[in-house]
């Protein structure tokens, strides 16, 4: 995946969590972006289904 295929995002996270994630990325020899992408892909379901709720019932 190239940089052109990605979107910049701003997140607010606990400073200690960010420090831990950065350190883990270094240990694994990958970027923080790669580490976060890997974690999200593992955590999220393969497909997301959004259903519209009918509130008139």
PDB file of N, CA and C in Angstrom:
ATOM      1  N   UNK A   1       0.852  -1.175   0.000  1.00  0.00           N
ATOM      2  CA  UNK A   1       0.000   0.000   0.000  1.00  0.00           C
ATOM      3  C   UNK A   1       0.896   1.236   0.000  1.00  0.00           C
ATOM      4  N   UNK A   2       0.594   2.184  -0.838  1.00  0.00           N
ATOM      5  CA  UNK A   2       1.397   3.398  -0.915  1.00  0.00           C
ATOM      6  C   UNK A   2       0.804   4.484  -0.030  1.00  0.00           C
ATOM      7  N   UNK A   3       1.573   5.534   0.175  1.00  0.00           N
ATOM      8  CA  UNK A   3       1.092   6.661   0.976  1.00  0.00           C
ATOM      9  C   UNK A   3      -0.149   7.274   0.352  1.00  0.00           C
ATOM     10  N   UNK A   4      -0.253   7.217  -0.973  1.00  0.00           N
ATOM     11  CA  UNK A   4      -1.428   7.775  -1.658  1.00  0.00           C
ATOM     12  C   UNK A   4      -2.708   7.018  -1.308  1.00  0.00           C
ATOM     13  N   UNK A   5      -2.576   5.767  -0.842  1.00  0.00           N
ATOM     14  CA  UNK A   5      -3.731   4.942  -0.485  1.00  0.00           C
ATOM     15  C   UNK A   5      -4.159   5.147   0.966  1.00  0.00           C
ATOM     16  N   UNK A   6      -3.489   6.048   1.661  1.00  0.00           N
ATOM     17  CA  UNK A   6      -3.757   6.219   3.083  1.00  0.00           C
ATOM     18  C   UNK A   6      -4.292   7.615   3.367  1.00  0.00           C
ATOM     19  N   UNK A   7      -4.936   7.722   4.516  1.00  0.00           N
ATOM     20  CA  UNK A   7      -5.507   9.000   4.937  1.00  0.00           C
ATOM     21  C   UNK A   7      -4.923   9.378   6.290  1.00  0.00           C
ATOM     22  N   UNK A   8      -4.574  10.637   6.446  1.00  0.00           N
ATOM     23  CA  UNK A   8      -4.038  11.116   7.717  1.00  0.00           C
ATOM     24  C   UNK A   8      -5.194  11.233   8.714  1.00  0.00           C
ATOM     25  N   UNK A   9      -4.914  10.879   9.971  1.00  0.00           N
ATOM     26  CA  UNK A   9      -5.932  10.937  11.018  1.00  0.00           C
ATOM     27  C   UNK A   9      -5.294  11.451  12.305  1.00  0.00           C
ATOM     28  N   UNK A  10      -6.070  12.170  13.082  1.00  0.00           N
ATOM     29  CA  UNK A  10      -5.611  12.645  14.378  1.00  0.00           C
ATOM     30  C   UNK A  10      -6.378  11.892  15.457  1.00  0.00           C
ATOM     31  N   UNK A  11      -5.646  11.341  16.409  1.00  0.00           N
ATOM     32  CA  UNK A  11      -6.254  10.595  17.510  1.00  0.00           C
ATOM     33  C   UNK A  11      -5.763  11.159  18.832  1.00  0.00           C
ATOM     34  N   UNK A  12      -6.585  11.049  19.834  1.00  0.00           N
ATOM     35  CA  UNK A  12      -6.187  11.406  21.188  1.00  0.00           C
ATOM     36  C   UNK A  12      -6.105  10.115  21.985  1.00  0.00           C
ATOM     37  N   UNK A  13      -4.901   9.786  22.445  1.00  0.00           N
ATOM     38  CA  UNK A  13      -4.689   8.557  23.213  1.00  0.00           C
ATOM     39  C   UNK A  13      -3.929   8.885  24.486  1.00  0.00           C
ATOM     40  N   UNK A  14      -4.008   7.990  25.422  1.00  0.00           N
ATOM     41  CA  UNK A  14      -3.294   8.122  26.687  1.00  0.00           C
ATOM     42  C   UNK A  14      -1.795   8.133  26.383  1.00  0.00           C
ATOM     43  N   UNK A  15      -1.058   9.108  26.921  1.00  0.00           N
ATOM     44  CA  UNK A  15       0.374   9.216  26.619  1.00  0.00           C
ATOM     45  C   UNK A  15       1.164   7.927  26.864  1.00  0.00           C
ATOM     46  N   UNK A  16       0.865   7.220  27.952  1.00  0.00           N
ATOM     47  CA  UNK A  16       1.577   5.974  28.235  1.00  0.00           C
ATOM     48  C   UNK A  16       1.300   4.911  27.176  1.00  0.00           C
ATOM     49  N   UNK A  17       0.080   4.897  26.644  1.00  0.00           N
ATOM     50  CA  UNK A  17      -0.270   3.946  25.591  1.00  0.00           C
ATOM     51  C   UNK A  17       0.514   4.254  24.319  1.00  0.00           C
ATOM     52  N   UNK A  18       0.637   5.526  23.988  1.00  0.00           N
ATOM     53  CA  UNK A  18       1.401   5.927  22.814  1.00  0.00           C
ATOM     54  C   UNK A  18       2.877   5.566  22.974  1.00  0.00           C
ATOM     55  N   UNK A  19       3.416   5.793  24.145  1.00  0.00           N
ATOM     56  CA  UNK A  19       4.811   5.438  24.415  1.00  0.00           C
ATOM     57  C   UNK A  19       5.024   3.942  24.252  1.00  0.00           C
ATOM     58  N   UNK A  20       4.102   3.168  24.791  1.00  0.00           N
ATOM     59  CA  UNK A  20       4.177   1.708  24.687  1.00  0.00           C
ATOM     60  C   UNK A  20       4.095   1.269  23.224  1.00  0.00           C
ATOM     61  N   UNK A  21       3.167   1.863  22.466  1.00  0.00           N
ATOM     62  CA  UNK A  21       3.002   1.511  21.050  1.00  0.00           C
ATOM     63  C   UNK A  21       4.247   1.863  20.249  1.00  0.00           C
ATOM     64  N   UNK A  22       4.816   3.030  20.500  1.00  0.00           N
ATOM     65  CA  UNK A  22       6.041   3.432  19.790  1.00  0.00           C
ATOM     66  C   UNK A  22       7.190   2.461  20.093  1.00  0.00           C
ATOM     67  N   UNK A  23       7.324   2.097  21.365  1.00  0.00           N
ATOM     68  CA  UNK A  23       8.382   1.163  21.754  1.00  0.00           C
ATOM     69  C   UNK A  23       8.178  -0.192  21.090  1.00  0.00           C
ATOM     70  N   UNK A  24       6.938  -0.663  21.043  1.00  0.00           N
ATOM     71  CA  UNK A  24       6.648  -1.955  20.417  1.00  0.00           C
ATOM     72  C   UNK A  24       6.942  -1.909  18.925  1.00  0.00           C
ATOM     73  N   UNK A  25       6.631  -0.796  18.289  1.00  0.00           N
ATOM     74  CA  UNK A  25       6.928  -0.643  16.859  1.00  0.00           C
ATOM     75  C   UNK A  25       8.432  -0.753  16.619  1.00  0.00           C
ATOM     76  N   UNK A  26       9.225  -0.143  17.490  1.00  0.00           N
ATOM     77  CA  UNK A  26      10.687  -0.224  17.368  1.00  0.00           C
ATOM     78  C   UNK A  26      11.150  -1.667  17.547  1.00  0.00           C
ATOM     79  N   UNK A  27      10.619  -2.344  18.561  1.00  0.00           N
ATOM     80  CA  UNK A  27      10.986  -3.743  18.821  1.00  0.00           C
ATOM     81  C   UNK A  27      10.689  -4.609  17.601  1.00  0.00           C
ATOM     82  N   UNK A  28       9.533  -4.364  16.959  1.00  0.00           N
ATOM     83  CA  UNK A  28       9.123  -5.154  15.795  1.00  0.00           C
ATOM     84  C   UNK A  28       9.754  -4.660  14.497  1.00  0.00           C
ATOM     85  N   UNK A  29      10.481  -3.536  14.550  1.00  0.00           N
ATOM     86  CA  UNK A  29      11.121  -3.019  13.355  1.00  0.00           C
ATOM     87  C   UNK A  29      10.136  -2.500  12.327  1.00  0.00           C
ATOM     88  N   UNK A  30       9.034  -1.925  12.802  1.00  0.00           N
ATOM     89  CA  UNK A  30       8.012  -1.392  11.891  1.00  0.00           C
ATOM     90  C   UNK A  30       7.664   0.019  12.317  1.00  0.00           C
ATOM     91  N   UNK A  31       6.899   0.696  11.492  1.00  0.00           N
ATOM     92  CA  UNK A  31       6.485   2.056  11.839  1.00  0.00           C
ATOM     93  C   UNK A  31       5.295   2.003  12.798  1.00  0.00           C
ATOM     94  N   UNK A  32       5.067   3.108  13.470  1.00  0.00           N
ATOM     95  CA  UNK A  32       3.903   3.208  14.345  1.00  0.00           C
ATOM     96  C   UNK A  32       2.625   3.034  13.522  1.00  0.00           C
ATOM     97  N   UNK A  33       2.600   3.595  12.329  1.00  0.00           N
ATOM     98  CA  UNK A  33       1.446   3.438  11.437  1.00  0.00           C
ATOM     99  C   UNK A  33       1.183   1.964  11.157  1.00  0.00           C
ATOM    100  N   UNK A  34       2.215   1.216  10.815  1.00  0.00           N
ATOM    101  CA  UNK A  34       2.045  -0.214  10.536  1.00  0.00           C
ATOM    102  C   UNK A  34       1.532  -0.964  11.763  1.00  0.00           C
ATOM    103  N   UNK A  35       2.067  -0.630  12.922  1.00  0.00           N
ATOM    104  CA  UNK A  35       1.644  -1.298  14.146  1.00  0.00           C
ATOM    105  C   UNK A  35       0.163  -1.046  14.427  1.00  0.00           C
ATOM    106  N   UNK A  36      -0.268   0.202  14.296  1.00  0.00           N
ATOM    107  CA  UNK A  36      -1.669   0.547  14.555  1.00  0.00           C
ATOM    108  C   UNK A  36      -2.580  -0.110  13.517  1.00  0.00           C
ATOM    109  N   UNK A  37      -2.173  -0.098  12.244  1.00  0.00           N
ATOM    110  CA  UNK A  37      -2.970  -0.760  11.205  1.00  0.00           C
ATOM    111  C   UNK A  37      -3.121  -2.244  11.499  1.00  0.00           C
ATOM    112  N   UNK A  38      -2.028  -2.894  11.886  1.00  0.00           N
ATOM    113  CA  UNK A  38      -2.049  -4.321  12.214  1.00  0.00           C
ATOM    114  C   UNK A  38      -3.021  -4.591  13.369  1.00  0.00           C
ATOM    115  N   UNK A  39      -2.957  -3.753  14.400  1.00  0.00           N
ATOM    116  CA  UNK A  39      -3.831  -3.925  15.562  1.00  0.00           C
ATOM    117  C   UNK A  39      -5.296  -3.729  15.187  1.00  0.00           C
ATOM    118  N   UNK A  40      -5.590  -2.713  14.381  1.00  0.00           N
ATOM    119  CA  UNK A  40      -6.974  -2.466  13.974  1.00  0.00           C
ATOM    120  C   UNK A  40      -7.506  -3.581  13.090  1.00  0.00           C
ATOM    121  N   UNK A  41      -6.690  -4.061  12.167  1.00  0.00           N
ATOM    122  CA  UNK A  41      -7.122  -5.157  11.290  1.00  0.00           C
ATOM    123  C   UNK A  41      -7.418  -6.425  12.098  1.00  0.00           C
ATOM    124  N   UNK A  42      -6.619  -6.661  13.127  1.00  0.00           N
ATOM    125  CA  UNK A  42      -6.831  -7.839  13.980  1.00  0.00           C
ATOM    126  C   UNK A  42      -8.088  -7.677  14.841  1.00  0.00           C
ATOM    127  N   UNK A  43      -8.343  -6.457  15.306  1.00  0.00           N
ATOM    128  CA  UNK A  43      -9.452  -6.185  16.221  1.00  0.00           C
ATOM    129  C   UNK A  43     -10.801  -6.107  15.512  1.00  0.00           C
ATOM    130  N   UNK A  44     -10.839  -5.447  14.380  1.00  0.00           N
ATOM    131  CA  UNK A  44     -12.113  -5.186  13.698  1.00  0.00           C
ATOM    132  C   UNK A  44     -12.626  -6.415  12.956  1.00  0.00           C
ATOM    133  N   UNK A  45     -13.949  -6.540  12.810  1.00  0.00           N
ATOM    134  CA  UNK A  45     -14.489  -7.655  12.015  1.00  0.00           C
ATOM    135  C   UNK A  45     -14.097  -7.474  10.551  1.00  0.00           C
ATOM    136  N   UNK A  46     -14.176  -8.550   9.786  1.00  0.00           N
ATOM    137  CA  UNK A  46     -13.787  -8.505   8.373  1.00  0.00           C
ATOM    138  C   UNK A  46     -14.695  -7.580   7.565  1.00  0.00           C
ATOM    139  N   UNK A  47     -15.976  -7.535   7.917  1.00  0.00           N
ATOM    140  CA  UNK A  47     -16.919  -6.675   7.195  1.00  0.00           C
ATOM    141  C   UNK A  47     -17.755  -5.904   8.218  1.00  0.00           C
ATOM    142  N   UNK A  48     -18.122  -4.712   7.850  1.00  0.00           N
ATOM    143  CA  UNK A  48     -18.969  -3.894   8.705  1.00  0.00           C
ATOM    144  C   UNK A  48     -20.315  -3.724   8.028  1.00  0.00           C
ATOM    145  N   UNK A  49     -21.373  -4.055   8.757  1.00  0.00           N
ATOM    146  CA  UNK A  49     -22.718  -3.908   8.233  1.00  0.00           C
ATOM    147  C   UNK A  49     -23.415  -2.835   9.049  1.00  0.00           C
ATOM    148  N   UNK A  50     -23.882  -1.817   8.362  1.00  0.00           N
ATOM    149  CA  UNK A  50     -24.596  -0.733   9.029  1.00  0.00           C
ATOM    150  C   UNK A  50     -26.056  -0.830   8.613  1.00  0.00           C
ATOM    151  N   UNK A  51     -26.921  -0.968   9.605  1.00  0.00           N
ATOM    152  CA  UNK A  51     -28.360  -1.083   9.324  1.00  0.00           C
ATOM    153  C   UNK A  51     -29.073   0.164   9.772  1.00  0.00           C
ATOM    154  N   UNK A  52     -29.976   0.622   8.933  1.00  0.00           N
ATOM    155  CA  UNK A  52     -30.785   1.782   9.284  1.00  0.00           C
ATOM    156  C   UNK A  52     -31.914   1.314  10.180  1.00  0.00           C
ATOM    157  N   UNK A  53     -32.111   1.981  11.280  1.00  0.00           N
ATOM    158  CA  UNK A  53     -33.154   1.623  12.234  1.00  0.00           C
ATOM    159  C   UNK A  53     -34.402   2.417  11.913  1.00  0.00           C
ATOM    160  N   UNK A  54     -35.540   1.708  11.823  1.00  0.00           N
ATOM    161  CA  UNK A  54     -36.815   2.359  11.562  1.00  0.00           C
ATOM    162  C   UNK A  54     -37.401   2.779  12.911  1.00  0.00           C
ATOM    163  N   UNK A  55     -37.391   4.074  13.207  1.00  0.00           N
ATOM    164  CA  UNK A  55     -37.848   4.568  14.503  1.00  0.00           C
ATOM    165  C   UNK A  55     -39.352   4.815  14.541  1.00  0.00           C
ATOM    166  N   UNK A  56     -40.055   4.578  13.433  1.00  0.00           N
ATOM    167  CA  UNK A  56     -41.496   4.808  13.403  1.00  0.00           C
ATOM    168  C   UNK A  56     -42.259   3.633  14.002  1.00  0.00           C
ATOM    169  N   UNK A  57     -41.604   2.547  14.282  1.00  0.00           N
ATOM    170  CA  UNK A  57     -42.303   1.364  14.833  1.00  0.00           C
ATOM    171  C   UNK A  57     -42.332   1.421  16.330  1.00  0.00           C
TER     172      UNK A  57
END
